[in-house]
Structures are given as C-alpha cells and as structure tokens.
Amino acid sequence: MELTFYQMLGILFLILGLLFLAAPMLLRVAPSLENAPWYILYVYRRDDFVFVTSPILIIISVASLIVNLIIKRG
C-alpha cells in the first residue's frame, strides 16, 4: 500500500499533535523544555493552566490548507 502526500502529511500532523498534547505533562517532569526557542515551542503558564503550542506547526497547517484550497479550485 502506497501512501499519498496528504496521507503522510496527516500522519505527521497526528504524531506532532500527540507530542504537543503530551508537552504539558512533560513540562511538569522536565521544566527545561521552557528554554526551547519560542518559534519551536511556545509555553504559556498562568496559575494551574499550561498552554503549549508550536508556531511552526500552526504555520505549516495553515500553509497546507491554503495549498489544498488552491489545488481544489485550480
């Protein structure tokens, strides 16, 4: 079975999503992850709330959506 580009991209996003879902739990164990560059891993802490995201992942997601829209219309 051969995977298409979009299937591989989807699997990559799933894996990255799971890693970032686990990031707050990892931050409790290894607080040194907060020292990662902001463009790789952005951590927001307020009281007991921790929000972790990746600006690179957001940019890649938006870019893939735009490319997909252009391909479908073109």
C-alpha atoms as a PDB file:
ATOM      1  CA  MET A   1       0.000   0.000   0.000  1.00  0.00           C
ATOM      2  CA  GLU A   2       1.461   3.319  -1.052  1.00  0.00           C
ATOM      3  CA  LEU A   3       0.607   6.457   0.904  1.00  0.00           C
ATOM      4  CA  THR A   4      -0.149   9.728  -0.836  1.00  0.00           C
ATOM      5  CA  PHE A   5       1.454  13.026   0.139  1.00  0.00           C
ATOM      6  CA  TYR A   6      -1.635  14.142   2.050  1.00  0.00           C
ATOM      7  CA  GLN A   7      -1.862  10.859   3.932  1.00  0.00           C
ATOM      8  CA  MET A   8       1.773  11.167   5.023  1.00  0.00           C
ATOM      9  CA  LEU A   9       1.186  14.808   5.969  1.00  0.00           C
ATOM     10  CA  GLY A  10      -1.855  13.750   8.009  1.00  0.00           C
ATOM     11  CA  ILE A  11       0.128  11.087   9.846  1.00  0.00           C
ATOM     12  CA  LEU A  12       2.867  13.635  10.535  1.00  0.00           C
ATOM     13  CA  PHE A  13       0.303  16.073  11.961  1.00  0.00           C
ATOM     14  CA  LEU A  14      -1.191  13.326  14.136  1.00  0.00           C
ATOM     15  CA  ILE A  15       2.207  12.444  15.570  1.00  0.00           C
ATOM     16  CA  LEU A  16       3.092  16.112  16.155  1.00  0.00           C
ATOM     17  CA  GLY A  17      -0.311  16.690  17.737  1.00  0.00           C
ATOM     18  CA  LEU A  18       0.192  13.800  20.134  1.00  0.00           C
ATOM     19  CA  LEU A  19       3.643  15.100  21.047  1.00  0.00           C
ATOM     20  CA  PHE A  20       2.273  18.566  21.764  1.00  0.00           C
ATOM     21  CA  LEU A  21      -0.632  17.066  23.684  1.00  0.00           C
ATOM     22  CA  ALA A  22       1.945  15.356  25.895  1.00  0.00           C
ATOM     23  CA  ALA A  23       4.077  18.519  26.218  1.00  0.00           C
ATOM     24  CA  PRO A  24       2.327  19.941  29.336  1.00  0.00           C
ATOM     25  CA  MET A  25       2.819  16.634  31.129  1.00  0.00           C
ATOM     26  CA  LEU A  26       6.462  16.589  30.055  1.00  0.00           C
ATOM     27  CA  LEU A  27       6.891  20.162  31.326  1.00  0.00           C
ATOM     28  CA  ARG A  28       5.999  19.013  34.829  1.00  0.00           C
ATOM     29  CA  VAL A  29       8.773  16.433  34.674  1.00  0.00           C
ATOM     30  CA  ALA A  30      11.328  18.424  32.665  1.00  0.00           C
ATOM     31  CA  PRO A  31      10.839  22.195  33.102  1.00  0.00           C
ATOM     32  CA  SER A  32      13.906  22.807  30.945  1.00  0.00           C
ATOM     33  CA  LEU A  33      11.651  22.417  27.886  1.00  0.00           C
ATOM     34  CA  GLU A  34      10.559  26.014  28.503  1.00  0.00           C
ATOM     35  CA  ASN A  35      14.011  27.085  27.392  1.00  0.00           C
ATOM     36  CA  ALA A  36      13.288  25.903  23.844  1.00  0.00           C
ATOM     37  CA  PRO A  37      13.122  28.715  21.274  1.00  0.00           C
ATOM     38  CA  TRP A  38       9.665  30.339  21.117  1.00  0.00           C
ATOM     39  CA  TYR A  39       9.247  29.525  17.419  1.00  0.00           C
ATOM     40  CA  ILE A  40       9.612  25.809  18.148  1.00  0.00           C
ATOM     41  CA  LEU A  41       7.671  25.516  21.406  1.00  0.00           C
ATOM     42  CA  TYR A  42       5.621  28.316  22.964  1.00  0.00           C
ATOM     43  CA  VAL A  43       4.647  27.770  26.612  1.00  0.00           C
ATOM     44  CA  TYR A  44       2.077  29.917  28.418  1.00  0.00           C
ATOM     45  CA  ARG A  45       1.617  29.388  32.163  1.00  0.00           C
ATOM     46  CA  ARG A  46      -0.938  31.080  34.373  1.00  0.00           C
ATOM     47  CA  ASP A  47      -1.724  29.618  37.809  1.00  0.00           C
ATOM     48  CA  ASP A  48      -2.509  25.919  37.163  1.00  0.00           C
ATOM     49  CA  PHE A  49      -3.174  26.419  33.433  1.00  0.00           C
ATOM     50  CA  VAL A  50      -0.477  25.448  30.938  1.00  0.00           C
ATOM     51  CA  PHE A  51      -0.895  26.058  27.195  1.00  0.00           C
ATOM     52  CA  VAL A  52       1.770  24.697  24.861  1.00  0.00           C
ATOM     53  CA  THR A  53       1.794  25.188  21.102  1.00  0.00           C
ATOM     54  CA  SER A  54       4.160  25.361  18.198  1.00  0.00           C
ATOM     55  CA  PRO A  55       4.076  28.374  15.893  1.00  0.00           C
ATOM     56  CA  ILE A  56       5.845  26.294  13.238  1.00  0.00           C
ATOM     57  CA  LEU A  57       3.085  23.666  13.397  1.00  0.00           C
ATOM     58  CA  ILE A  58       0.414  26.361  13.057  1.00  0.00           C
ATOM     59  CA  ILE A  59       2.177  27.911  10.035  1.00  0.00           C
ATOM     60  CA  ILE A  60       2.572  24.505   8.360  1.00  0.00           C
ATOM     61  CA  SER A  61      -1.105  23.700   8.991  1.00  0.00           C
ATOM     62  CA  VAL A  62      -2.327  26.984   7.528  1.00  0.00           C
ATOM     63  CA  ALA A  63       0.003  26.641   4.544  1.00  0.00           C
ATOM     64  CA  SER A  64      -1.230  23.116   3.808  1.00  0.00           C
ATOM     65  CA  LEU A  65      -4.840  24.301   3.980  1.00  0.00           C
ATOM     66  CA  ILE A  66      -4.119  27.143   1.559  1.00  0.00           C
ATOM     67  CA  VAL A  67      -2.289  24.807  -0.848  1.00  0.00           C
ATOM     68  CA  ASN A  68      -5.168  22.341  -0.644  1.00  0.00           C
ATOM     69  CA  LEU A  69      -7.712  25.085  -1.423  1.00  0.00           C
ATOM     70  CA  ILE A  70      -5.650  26.337  -4.379  1.00  0.00           C
ATOM     71  CA  ILE A  71      -5.294  22.814  -5.808  1.00  0.00           C
ATOM     72  CA  LYS A  72      -9.026  22.062  -5.454  1.00  0.00           C
ATOM     73  CA  ARG A  73     -10.064  25.325  -7.167  1.00  0.00           C
ATOM     74  CA  GLY A  74      -7.371  25.200  -9.861  1.00  0.00           C
END
